[in-house]
Amino acid sequence: MATASQWVAGARPRTLPAAVVPVLVGTGVAFSYGGAVWWRALLALIVSLALQVGVNYANDYSDGVRGTDADRVGPMRLVGSGAAPARQVLAGALLSFAVALAAGLALVVATRAWWLLLVGAACVVAAWFYTGGDRPYGYRALGEVSVFVFFGLVAVAGTTYVQMESLPWLALAAAVPVGLIACAILVVNNLRDIVTDGPAGKRTLAVVLGAARTRALFTACVALPYVVALALAPARPWALLTLLSIPLAAGPVQTVRKGASGPALIAVLQQTGRLHLVYGALLTIGLAIA
């Protein structure tokens, strides 16, 4: 039976900034228009964190029962390592999704925007079928698209909407760099696993593109958020605060472009997660000042 520390490790806490950052940025957008509502922001954070933990457990379960986690370079998996029975990990995923839906329902009631139920259902469906079901889209090179949409556009815009009950252009613009750096996290994760994913039948985008093009994609996902910040500057000059995070971006890009692979990319994964958090915090501050 898995220990508490193994369950925490299985939730992959280092991926949680990907859930925190879009809520921060969406709240920064709402604050810049004078529409921030802190208790709604907190509920949005619960939704985002619970979905992230749920997708991590669901991924652990689905890959574990398929046997595609038998030979991994990355963090421990509960099912693949034999630390926890598959049914317990599945229960953990379902419980996490239930928490997300409960917090989301409270926001739906508060805003009376019942169409948000469809958005919440889409988030849970996307989380499950990333690696679940008979035809998981995560095995068909669509993982990065899903991350950009749900941990970029939907999360930032949704956080802004539930506070302001309207959707300004800035929410969608600010969602782009958030989604891109979240994609960079997945890109480097899949680059690390490219050698084992292909033989296991996981056709991630990295497997389809090959290592060289995946390295170029990672570079683009890290660099383009700074282009967006420059584009936002005429309307929100303090968005240029994000340029302070460039030194944090330079290290992982340099390592990836030099050809690091396998275990050497674990540090890059951590560095990219740190960049995501710092960039998001600086963007939030820049938007809030405006």
C-alpha atoms as a PDB file:
ATOM      1  CA  MET A   1       0.000   0.000   0.000  1.00  0.00           C
ATOM      2  CA  ALA A   2       1.373   3.424  -0.944  1.00  0.00           C
ATOM      3  CA  THR A   3       2.544   5.755   1.801  1.00  0.00           C
ATOM      4  CA  ALA A   4       1.336   9.338   2.164  1.00  0.00           C
ATOM      5  CA  SER A   5       4.601  10.628   0.692  1.00  0.00           C
ATOM      6  CA  GLN A   6       4.182   8.342  -2.318  1.00  0.00           C
ATOM      7  CA  TRP A   7       0.650   9.642  -2.887  1.00  0.00           C
ATOM      8  CA  VAL A   8       2.005  13.197  -2.765  1.00  0.00           C
ATOM      9  CA  ALA A   9       4.758  12.255  -5.210  1.00  0.00           C
ATOM     10  CA  GLY A  10       2.158  10.590  -7.441  1.00  0.00           C
ATOM     11  CA  ALA A  11       0.203  13.850  -7.539  1.00  0.00           C
ATOM     12  CA  ARG A  12       3.359  15.358  -9.081  1.00  0.00           C
ATOM     13  CA  PRO A  13       3.529  18.568  -7.032  1.00  0.00           C
ATOM     14  CA  ARG A  14       6.118  20.064  -9.379  1.00  0.00           C
ATOM     15  CA  THR A  15       3.410  20.294 -12.046  1.00  0.00           C
ATOM     16  CA  LEU A  16       1.084  22.316  -9.810  1.00  0.00           C
ATOM     17  CA  PRO A  17       2.460  25.738 -10.839  1.00  0.00           C
ATOM     18  CA  ALA A  18       0.813  25.027 -14.200  1.00  0.00           C
ATOM     19  CA  ALA A  19      -2.508  25.148 -12.316  1.00  0.00           C
ATOM     20  CA  VAL A  20      -1.650  28.138 -10.106  1.00  0.00           C
ATOM     21  CA  VAL A  21      -0.250  30.492 -12.763  1.00  0.00           C
ATOM     22  CA  PRO A  22      -3.376  30.881 -14.951  1.00  0.00           C
ATOM     23  CA  VAL A  23      -5.482  31.696 -11.892  1.00  0.00           C
ATOM     24  CA  LEU A  24      -2.949  34.325 -10.807  1.00  0.00           C
ATOM     25  CA  VAL A  25      -2.867  35.904 -14.242  1.00  0.00           C
ATOM     26  CA  GLY A  26      -6.646  35.790 -14.675  1.00  0.00           C
ATOM     27  CA  THR A  27      -7.027  37.497 -11.299  1.00  0.00           C
ATOM     28  CA  GLY A  28      -4.426  40.075 -12.336  1.00  0.00           C
ATOM     29  CA  VAL A  29      -6.544  40.855 -15.393  1.00  0.00           C
ATOM     30  CA  ALA A  30      -9.674  41.216 -13.253  1.00  0.00           C
ATOM     31  CA  PHE A  31      -7.801  43.433 -10.792  1.00  0.00           C
ATOM     32  CA  SER A  32      -6.596  45.710 -13.603  1.00  0.00           C
ATOM     33  CA  TYR A  33     -10.243  46.410 -14.471  1.00  0.00           C
ATOM     34  CA  GLY A  34     -11.245  46.819 -10.834  1.00  0.00           C
ATOM     35  CA  GLY A  35     -13.222  43.587 -10.876  1.00  0.00           C
ATOM     36  CA  ALA A  36     -11.247  41.150  -8.705  1.00  0.00           C
ATOM     37  CA  VAL A  37     -13.352  39.072  -6.301  1.00  0.00           C
ATOM     38  CA  TRP A  38     -10.994  37.184  -4.021  1.00  0.00           C
ATOM     39  CA  TRP A  39     -13.255  34.374  -2.834  1.00  0.00           C
ATOM     40  CA  ARG A  40     -14.138  33.579  -6.437  1.00  0.00           C
ATOM     41  CA  ALA A  41     -10.440  33.584  -7.297  1.00  0.00           C
ATOM     42  CA  LEU A  42      -9.879  31.099  -4.465  1.00  0.00           C
ATOM     43  CA  LEU A  43     -12.605  28.807  -5.790  1.00  0.00           C
ATOM     44  CA  ALA A  44     -11.076  29.044  -9.276  1.00  0.00           C
ATOM     45  CA  LEU A  45      -7.728  28.039  -7.770  1.00  0.00           C
ATOM     46  CA  ILE A  46      -9.320  24.997  -6.112  1.00  0.00           C
ATOM     47  CA  VAL A  47     -10.857  24.003  -9.454  1.00  0.00           C
ATOM     48  CA  SER A  48      -7.541  24.356 -11.265  1.00  0.00           C
ATOM     49  CA  LEU A  49      -5.459  22.508  -8.657  1.00  0.00           C
ATOM     50  CA  ALA A  50      -7.980  19.678  -8.313  1.00  0.00           C
ATOM     51  CA  LEU A  51      -8.092  19.223 -12.092  1.00  0.00           C
ATOM     52  CA  GLN A  52      -4.290  19.127 -12.265  1.00  0.00           C
ATOM     53  CA  VAL A  53      -4.040  16.517  -9.513  1.00  0.00           C
ATOM     54  CA  GLY A  54      -6.898  14.581 -11.109  1.00  0.00           C
ATOM     55  CA  VAL A  55      -5.247  14.469 -14.527  1.00  0.00           C
ATOM     56  CA  ASN A  56      -1.967  13.388 -12.923  1.00  0.00           C
ATOM     57  CA  TYR A  57      -3.623  10.477 -11.115  1.00  0.00           C
ATOM     58  CA  ALA A  58      -5.690   9.610 -14.200  1.00  0.00           C
ATOM     59  CA  ASN A  59      -2.531   9.583 -16.304  1.00  0.00           C
ATOM     60  CA  ASP A  60      -0.824   7.390 -13.706  1.00  0.00           C
ATOM     61  CA  TYR A  61      -3.765   4.971 -13.740  1.00  0.00           C
ATOM     62  CA  SER A  62      -4.217   4.780 -17.519  1.00  0.00           C
ATOM     63  CA  ASP A  63      -0.521   4.408 -18.327  1.00  0.00           C
ATOM     64  CA  GLY A  64      -0.099   1.946 -15.471  1.00  0.00           C
ATOM     65  CA  VAL A  65      -2.831  -0.443 -16.578  1.00  0.00           C
ATOM     66  CA  ARG A  66      -1.530  -0.285 -20.155  1.00  0.00           C
ATOM     67  CA  GLY A  67       1.995  -1.081 -19.023  1.00  0.00           C
ATOM     68  CA  THR A  68       3.487   1.987 -20.705  1.00  0.00           C
ATOM     69  CA  ASP A  69       5.082   3.115 -17.418  1.00  0.00           C
ATOM     70  CA  ALA A  70       7.186  -0.013 -16.986  1.00  0.00           C
ATOM     71  CA  ASP A  71      10.425   1.739 -17.994  1.00  0.00           C
ATOM     72  CA  ARG A  72      10.372   5.419 -17.038  1.00  0.00           C
ATOM     73  CA  VAL A  73      13.098   7.992 -16.540  1.00  0.00           C
ATOM     74  CA  GLY A  74      10.915  10.519 -14.733  1.00  0.00           C
ATOM     75  CA  PRO A  75       9.165  10.643 -11.351  1.00  0.00           C
ATOM     76  CA  MET A  76       7.708   7.549  -9.737  1.00  0.00           C
ATOM     77  CA  ARG A  77       4.280   6.364 -10.848  1.00  0.00           C
ATOM     78  CA  LEU A  78       2.001   4.742  -8.313  1.00  0.00           C
ATOM     79  CA  VAL A  79       0.548   2.026 -10.551  1.00  0.00           C
ATOM     80  CA  GLY A  80       3.594   1.441 -12.732  1.00  0.00           C
ATOM     81  CA  SER A  81       5.857   1.007  -9.709  1.00  0.00           C
ATOM     82  CA  GLY A  82       3.382  -1.258  -7.910  1.00  0.00           C
ATOM     83  CA  ALA A  83       3.169   1.140  -4.960  1.00  0.00           C
ATOM     84  CA  ALA A  84      -0.646   1.358  -5.176  1.00  0.00           C
ATOM     85  CA  PRO A  85      -3.377  -0.772  -6.799  1.00  0.00           C
ATOM     86  CA  ALA A  86      -4.836   0.683  -9.981  1.00  0.00           C
ATOM     87  CA  ARG A  87      -8.322   0.940  -8.448  1.00  0.00           C
ATOM     88  CA  GLN A  88      -7.026   3.185  -5.629  1.00  0.00           C
ATOM     89  CA  VAL A  89      -5.305   5.534  -8.061  1.00  0.00           C
ATOM     90  CA  LEU A  90      -8.478   5.646 -10.154  1.00  0.00           C
ATOM     91  CA  ALA A  91     -10.424   6.535  -7.007  1.00  0.00           C
ATOM     92  CA  GLY A  92      -7.929   9.328  -6.295  1.00  0.00           C
ATOM     93  CA  ALA A  93      -8.449  10.734  -9.793  1.00  0.00           C
ATOM     94  CA  LEU A  94     -12.231  10.599  -9.493  1.00  0.00           C
ATOM     95  CA  LEU A  95     -12.150  12.241  -6.053  1.00  0.00           C
ATOM     96  CA  SER A  96      -9.990  15.065  -7.421  1.00  0.00           C
ATOM     97  CA  PHE A  97     -12.399  15.611 -10.321  1.00  0.00           C
ATOM     98  CA  ALA A  98     -15.319  15.657  -7.860  1.00  0.00           C
ATOM     99  CA  VAL A  99     -13.627  18.400  -5.815  1.00  0.00           C
ATOM    100  CA  ALA A 100     -13.056  20.421  -8.999  1.00  0.00           C
ATOM    101  CA  LEU A 101     -16.686  20.022 -10.044  1.00  0.00           C
ATOM    102  CA  ALA A 102     -17.986  21.004  -6.594  1.00  0.00           C
ATOM    103  CA  ALA A 103     -15.910  24.200  -6.511  1.00  0.00           C
ATOM    104  CA  GLY A 104     -16.877  24.904 -10.110  1.00  0.00           C
ATOM    105  CA  LEU A 105     -20.566  24.444  -9.315  1.00  0.00           C
ATOM    106  CA  ALA A 106     -20.273  27.057  -6.569  1.00  0.00           C
ATOM    107  CA  LEU A 107     -18.902  29.503  -9.150  1.00  0.00           C
ATOM    108  CA  VAL A 108     -21.705  28.648 -11.557  1.00  0.00           C
ATOM    109  CA  VAL A 109     -24.294  29.398  -8.881  1.00  0.00           C
ATOM    110  CA  ALA A 110     -22.534  32.659  -7.956  1.00  0.00           C
ATOM    111  CA  THR A 111     -22.334  33.914 -11.547  1.00  0.00           C
ATOM    112  CA  ARG A 112     -25.572  32.293 -12.763  1.00  0.00           C
ATOM    113  CA  ALA A 113     -23.658  31.476 -15.940  1.00  0.00           C
ATOM    114  CA  TRP A 114     -24.986  27.948 -16.372  1.00  0.00           C
ATOM    115  CA  TRP A 115     -23.064  27.438 -19.607  1.00  0.00           C
ATOM    116  CA  LEU A 116     -19.953  27.202 -17.410  1.00  0.00           C
ATOM    117  CA  LEU A 117     -21.163  23.690 -16.522  1.00  0.00           C
ATOM    118  CA  LEU A 118     -20.328  22.689 -20.094  1.00  0.00           C
ATOM    119  CA  VAL A 119     -16.856  24.214 -19.746  1.00  0.00           C
ATOM    120  CA  GLY A 120     -16.275  22.302 -16.519  1.00  0.00           C
ATOM    121  CA  ALA A 121     -17.473  19.057 -18.070  1.00  0.00           C
ATOM    122  CA  ALA A 122     -15.158  19.634 -21.051  1.00  0.00           C
ATOM    123  CA  CYS A 123     -12.226  20.122 -18.681  1.00  0.00           C
ATOM    124  CA  VAL A 124     -12.900  16.816 -16.899  1.00  0.00           C
ATOM    125  CA  VAL A 125     -13.432  14.951 -20.177  1.00  0.00           C
ATOM    126  CA  ALA A 126     -10.192  16.390 -21.571  1.00  0.00           C
ATOM    127  CA  ALA A 127      -8.342  15.438 -18.389  1.00  0.00           C
ATOM    128  CA  TRP A 128      -9.577  11.849 -18.493  1.00  0.00           C
ATOM    129  CA  PHE A 129      -9.122  11.141 -22.196  1.00  0.00           C
ATOM    130  CA  TYR A 130      -5.599  12.563 -22.272  1.00  0.00           C
ATOM    131  CA  THR A 131      -4.402   9.032 -21.585  1.00  0.00           C
ATOM    132  CA  GLY A 132      -7.703   7.299 -20.764  1.00  0.00           C
ATOM    133  CA  GLY A 133     -10.169   5.449 -22.941  1.00  0.00           C
ATOM    134  CA  ASP A 134      -9.565   3.374 -26.051  1.00  0.00           C
ATOM    135  CA  ARG A 135      -8.150   6.254 -28.122  1.00  0.00           C
ATOM    136  CA  PRO A 136      -6.337   8.670 -25.785  1.00  0.00           C
ATOM    137  CA  TYR A 137      -5.478  11.894 -27.580  1.00  0.00           C
ATOM    138  CA  GLY A 138      -2.269  12.252 -25.567  1.00  0.00           C
ATOM    139  CA  TYR A 139      -0.974   9.292 -27.585  1.00  0.00           C
ATOM    140  CA  ARG A 140      -1.871  11.075 -30.827  1.00  0.00           C
ATOM    141  CA  ALA A 141       0.293  14.191 -30.604  1.00  0.00           C
ATOM    142  CA  LEU A 142      -2.514  16.404 -29.251  1.00  0.00           C
ATOM    143  CA  GLY A 143      -1.314  16.837 -25.675  1.00  0.00           C
ATOM    144  CA  GLU A 144       0.286  20.235 -26.258  1.00  0.00           C
ATOM    145  CA  VAL A 145      -2.851  21.552 -27.961  1.00  0.00           C
ATOM    146  CA  SER A 146      -4.933  20.497 -24.970  1.00  0.00           C
ATOM    147  CA  VAL A 147      -2.514  22.088 -22.488  1.00  0.00           C
ATOM    148  CA  PHE A 148      -2.536  25.382 -24.398  1.00  0.00           C
ATOM    149  CA  VAL A 149      -6.331  25.433 -24.553  1.00  0.00           C
ATOM    150  CA  PHE A 150      -7.165  24.300 -21.012  1.00  0.00           C
ATOM    151  CA  PHE A 151      -4.195  25.545 -18.956  1.00  0.00           C
ATOM    152  CA  GLY A 152      -3.892  28.701 -21.030  1.00  0.00           C
ATOM    153  CA  LEU A 153      -6.999  30.048 -22.707  1.00  0.00           C
ATOM    154  CA  VAL A 154      -9.725  28.364 -20.639  1.00  0.00           C
ATOM    155  CA  ALA A 155      -8.058  28.733 -17.234  1.00  0.00           C
ATOM    156  CA  VAL A 156      -7.044  32.394 -17.577  1.00  0.00           C
ATOM    157  CA  ALA A 157     -10.213  33.513 -19.343  1.00  0.00           C
ATOM    158  CA  GLY A 158     -12.387  31.452 -16.999  1.00  0.00           C
ATOM    159  CA  THR A 159     -10.737  32.901 -13.899  1.00  0.00           C
ATOM    160  CA  THR A 160     -11.281  36.420 -15.216  1.00  0.00           C
ATOM    161  CA  TYR A 161     -14.873  35.743 -16.215  1.00  0.00           C
ATOM    162  CA  VAL A 162     -16.049  34.286 -12.898  1.00  0.00           C
ATOM    163  CA  GLN A 163     -14.788  37.429 -11.152  1.00  0.00           C
ATOM    164  CA  MET A 164     -15.841  40.130 -13.646  1.00  0.00           C
ATOM    165  CA  GLU A 165     -18.785  38.289 -15.281  1.00  0.00           C
ATOM    166  CA  SER A 166     -17.434  39.620 -18.572  1.00  0.00           C
ATOM    167  CA  LEU A 167     -14.460  38.754 -20.756  1.00  0.00           C
ATOM    168  CA  PRO A 168     -12.131  41.604 -21.765  1.00  0.00           C
ATOM    169  CA  TRP A 169      -9.625  41.206 -24.602  1.00  0.00           C
ATOM    170  CA  LEU A 170      -6.755  41.325 -22.122  1.00  0.00           C
ATOM    171  CA  ALA A 171      -7.771  37.971 -20.603  1.00  0.00           C
ATOM    172  CA  LEU A 172      -7.323  36.181 -23.925  1.00  0.00           C
ATOM    173  CA  ALA A 173      -4.090  38.027 -24.720  1.00  0.00           C
ATOM    174  CA  ALA A 174      -2.590  37.240 -21.316  1.00  0.00           C
ATOM    175  CA  ALA A 175      -3.630  33.592 -21.669  1.00  0.00           C
ATOM    176  CA  VAL A 176      -1.344  33.082 -24.673  1.00  0.00           C
ATOM    177  CA  PRO A 177       2.044  33.289 -22.884  1.00  0.00           C
ATOM    178  CA  VAL A 178       0.671  31.301 -19.949  1.00  0.00           C
ATOM    179  CA  GLY A 179      -0.420  28.516 -22.274  1.00  0.00           C
ATOM    180  CA  LEU A 180       2.844  28.573 -24.216  1.00  0.00           C
ATOM    181  CA  ILE A 181       5.057  28.072 -21.180  1.00  0.00           C
ATOM    182  CA  ALA A 182       2.716  25.356 -19.897  1.00  0.00           C
ATOM    183  CA  CYS A 183       3.195  23.699 -23.301  1.00  0.00           C
ATOM    184  CA  ALA A 184       6.967  24.020 -22.887  1.00  0.00           C
ATOM    185  CA  ILE A 185       6.717  21.955 -19.696  1.00  0.00           C
ATOM    186  CA  LEU A 186       4.945  19.148 -21.557  1.00  0.00           C
ATOM    187  CA  VAL A 187       7.273  19.420 -24.561  1.00  0.00           C
ATOM    188  CA  VAL A 188      10.402  18.895 -22.457  1.00  0.00           C
ATOM    189  CA  ASN A 189       8.668  16.108 -20.514  1.00  0.00           C
ATOM    190  CA  ASN A 190       7.887  14.292 -23.774  1.00  0.00           C
ATOM    191  CA  LEU A 191      11.370  14.995 -25.131  1.00  0.00           C
ATOM    192  CA  ARG A 192      12.781  13.279 -22.055  1.00  0.00           C
ATOM    193  CA  ASP A 193      10.597  10.212 -22.656  1.00  0.00           C
ATOM    194  CA  ILE A 194      10.935  10.100 -26.443  1.00  0.00           C
ATOM    195  CA  VAL A 195      13.073   6.953 -26.425  1.00  0.00           C
ATOM    196  CA  THR A 196      10.605   4.927 -24.332  1.00  0.00           C
ATOM    197  CA  ASP A 197       7.300   6.430 -25.532  1.00  0.00           C
ATOM    198  CA  GLY A 198       7.694   5.380 -29.167  1.00  0.00           C
ATOM    199  CA  PRO A 199       8.212   1.664 -28.503  1.00  0.00           C
ATOM    200  CA  ALA A 200       5.389   1.756 -25.923  1.00  0.00           C
ATOM    201  CA  GLY A 201       2.949   3.030 -28.545  1.00  0.00           C
ATOM    202  CA  LYS A 202       2.730   6.590 -27.181  1.00  0.00           C
ATOM    203  CA  ARG A 203       2.830   8.847 -30.250  1.00  0.00           C
ATOM    204  CA  THR A 204       3.412  12.108 -28.446  1.00  0.00           C
ATOM    205  CA  LEU A 205       4.192  15.226 -30.433  1.00  0.00           C
ATOM    206  CA  ALA A 206       7.866  14.682 -29.585  1.00  0.00           C
ATOM    207  CA  VAL A 207       7.756  11.186 -31.090  1.00  0.00           C
ATOM    208  CA  VAL A 208       6.083  12.522 -34.244  1.00  0.00           C
ATOM    209  CA  LEU A 209       8.415  15.502 -34.687  1.00  0.00           C
ATOM    210  CA  GLY A 210      11.643  13.838 -33.631  1.00  0.00           C
ATOM    211  CA  ALA A 211      14.182  15.180 -31.154  1.00  0.00           C
ATOM    212  CA  ALA A 212      15.602  18.023 -33.264  1.00  0.00           C
ATOM    213  CA  ARG A 213      12.241  19.612 -34.095  1.00  0.00           C
ATOM    214  CA  THR A 214      11.008  19.092 -30.543  1.00  0.00           C
ATOM    215  CA  ARG A 215      13.989  21.086 -29.271  1.00  0.00           C
ATOM    216  CA  ALA A 216      13.065  23.891 -31.676  1.00  0.00           C
ATOM    217  CA  LEU A 217       9.451  23.740 -30.474  1.00  0.00           C
ATOM    218  CA  PHE A 218      10.580  24.026 -26.856  1.00  0.00           C
ATOM    219  CA  THR A 219      12.654  27.096 -27.723  1.00  0.00           C
ATOM    220  CA  ALA A 220       9.673  28.711 -29.455  1.00  0.00           C
ATOM    221  CA  CYS A 221       7.318  28.003 -26.531  1.00  0.00           C
ATOM    222  CA  VAL A 222       9.754  29.710 -24.150  1.00  0.00           C
ATOM    223  CA  ALA A 223      10.656  32.655 -26.413  1.00  0.00           C
ATOM    224  CA  LEU A 224       7.214  33.654 -27.741  1.00  0.00           C
ATOM    225  CA  PRO A 225       5.804  34.713 -24.335  1.00  0.00           C
ATOM    226  CA  TYR A 226       8.317  37.572 -24.336  1.00  0.00           C
ATOM    227  CA  VAL A 227       7.126  38.626 -27.789  1.00  0.00           C
ATOM    228  CA  VAL A 228       3.585  38.729 -26.396  1.00  0.00           C
ATOM    229  CA  ALA A 229       4.759  40.853 -23.452  1.00  0.00           C
ATOM    230  CA  LEU A 230       6.294  43.348 -25.884  1.00  0.00           C
ATOM    231  CA  ALA A 231       3.048  43.397 -27.867  1.00  0.00           C
ATOM    232  CA  LEU A 232       1.081  44.122 -24.687  1.00  0.00           C
ATOM    233  CA  ALA A 233       3.384  46.985 -23.678  1.00  0.00           C
ATOM    234  CA  PRO A 234       1.541  49.803 -25.502  1.00  0.00           C
ATOM    235  CA  ALA A 235      -1.656  49.000 -23.571  1.00  0.00           C
ATOM    236  CA  ARG A 236      -0.092  47.588 -20.387  1.00  0.00           C
ATOM    237  CA  PRO A 237       3.507  48.893 -20.054  1.00  0.00           C
ATOM    238  CA  TRP A 238       4.100  47.052 -16.794  1.00  0.00           C
ATOM    239  CA  ALA A 239       3.751  43.742 -18.645  1.00  0.00           C
ATOM    240  CA  LEU A 240       7.421  44.334 -19.481  1.00  0.00           C
ATOM    241  CA  LEU A 241       8.197  43.219 -15.928  1.00  0.00           C
ATOM    242  CA  THR A 242       8.123  39.711 -17.387  1.00  0.00           C
ATOM    243  CA  LEU A 243      11.430  40.479 -19.133  1.00  0.00           C
ATOM    244  CA  LEU A 244      13.071  40.128 -15.722  1.00  0.00           C
ATOM    245  CA  SER A 245      12.517  36.377 -16.018  1.00  0.00           C
ATOM    246  CA  ILE A 246      14.653  36.032 -19.164  1.00  0.00           C
ATOM    247  CA  PRO A 247      17.692  34.756 -17.183  1.00  0.00           C
ATOM    248  CA  LEU A 248      15.496  31.885 -15.934  1.00  0.00           C
ATOM    249  CA  ALA A 249      14.539  31.079 -19.526  1.00  0.00           C
ATOM    250  CA  ALA A 250      18.075  31.127 -20.916  1.00  0.00           C
ATOM    251  CA  GLY A 251      19.351  28.128 -18.912  1.00  0.00           C
ATOM    252  CA  PRO A 252      16.769  25.504 -19.915  1.00  0.00           C
ATOM    253  CA  VAL A 253      16.748  26.665 -23.551  1.00  0.00           C
ATOM    254  CA  GLN A 254      20.520  26.404 -23.735  1.00  0.00           C
ATOM    255  CA  THR A 255      20.498  22.934 -22.173  1.00  0.00           C
ATOM    256  CA  VAL A 256      17.824  21.663 -24.553  1.00  0.00           C
ATOM    257  CA  ARG A 257      19.479  23.134 -27.640  1.00  0.00           C
ATOM    258  CA  LYS A 258      22.800  21.545 -26.683  1.00  0.00           C
ATOM    259  CA  GLY A 259      21.186  18.124 -26.984  1.00  0.00           C
ATOM    260  CA  ALA A 260      20.491  17.065 -23.399  1.00  0.00           C
ATOM    261  CA  SER A 261      18.371  13.931 -23.175  1.00  0.00           C
ATOM    262  CA  GLY A 262      16.961  11.405 -20.711  1.00  0.00           C
ATOM    263  CA  PRO A 263      17.675  12.109 -17.028  1.00  0.00           C
ATOM    264  CA  ALA A 264      19.523  15.337 -17.928  1.00  0.00           C
ATOM    265  CA  LEU A 265      16.160  16.855 -18.860  1.00  0.00           C
ATOM    266  CA  ILE A 266      14.651  16.321 -15.411  1.00  0.00           C
ATOM    267  CA  ALA A 267      16.419  19.471 -14.221  1.00  0.00           C
ATOM    268  CA  VAL A 268      15.158  21.317 -17.312  1.00  0.00           C
ATOM    269  CA  LEU A 269      11.616  20.252 -16.462  1.00  0.00           C
ATOM    270  CA  GLN A 270      12.005  21.743 -12.982  1.00  0.00           C
ATOM    271  CA  GLN A 271      13.567  24.924 -14.363  1.00  0.00           C
ATOM    272  CA  THR A 272      10.739  25.367 -16.865  1.00  0.00           C
ATOM    273  CA  GLY A 273       8.176  24.955 -14.099  1.00  0.00           C
ATOM    274  CA  ARG A 274      10.019  27.643 -12.122  1.00  0.00           C
ATOM    275  CA  LEU A 275      10.047  29.921 -15.171  1.00  0.00           C
ATOM    276  CA  HIS A 276       6.305  29.432 -15.593  1.00  0.00           C
ATOM    277  CA  LEU A 277       5.664  30.476 -12.002  1.00  0.00           C
ATOM    278  CA  VAL A 278       7.985  33.500 -12.071  1.00  0.00           C
ATOM    279  CA  TYR A 279       6.800  34.724 -15.483  1.00  0.00           C
ATOM    280  CA  GLY A 280       3.194  34.330 -14.364  1.00  0.00           C
ATOM    281  CA  ALA A 281       3.801  36.182 -11.102  1.00  0.00           C
ATOM    282  CA  LEU A 282       5.539  39.060 -12.911  1.00  0.00           C
ATOM    283  CA  LEU A 283       2.764  39.258 -15.501  1.00  0.00           C
ATOM    284  CA  THR A 284       0.156  39.276 -12.737  1.00  0.00           C
ATOM    285  CA  ILE A 285       1.940  42.130 -10.959  1.00  0.00           C
ATOM    286  CA  GLY A 286       2.329  44.054 -14.217  1.00  0.00           C
ATOM    287  CA  LEU A 287      -1.362  43.721 -15.037  1.00  0.00           C
ATOM    288  CA  ALA A 288      -2.458  44.555 -11.491  1.00  0.00           C
ATOM    289  CA  ILE A 289      -0.368  47.759 -11.458  1.00  0.00           C
ATOM    290  CA  ALA A 290      -2.128  48.899 -14.601  1.00  0.00           C
END
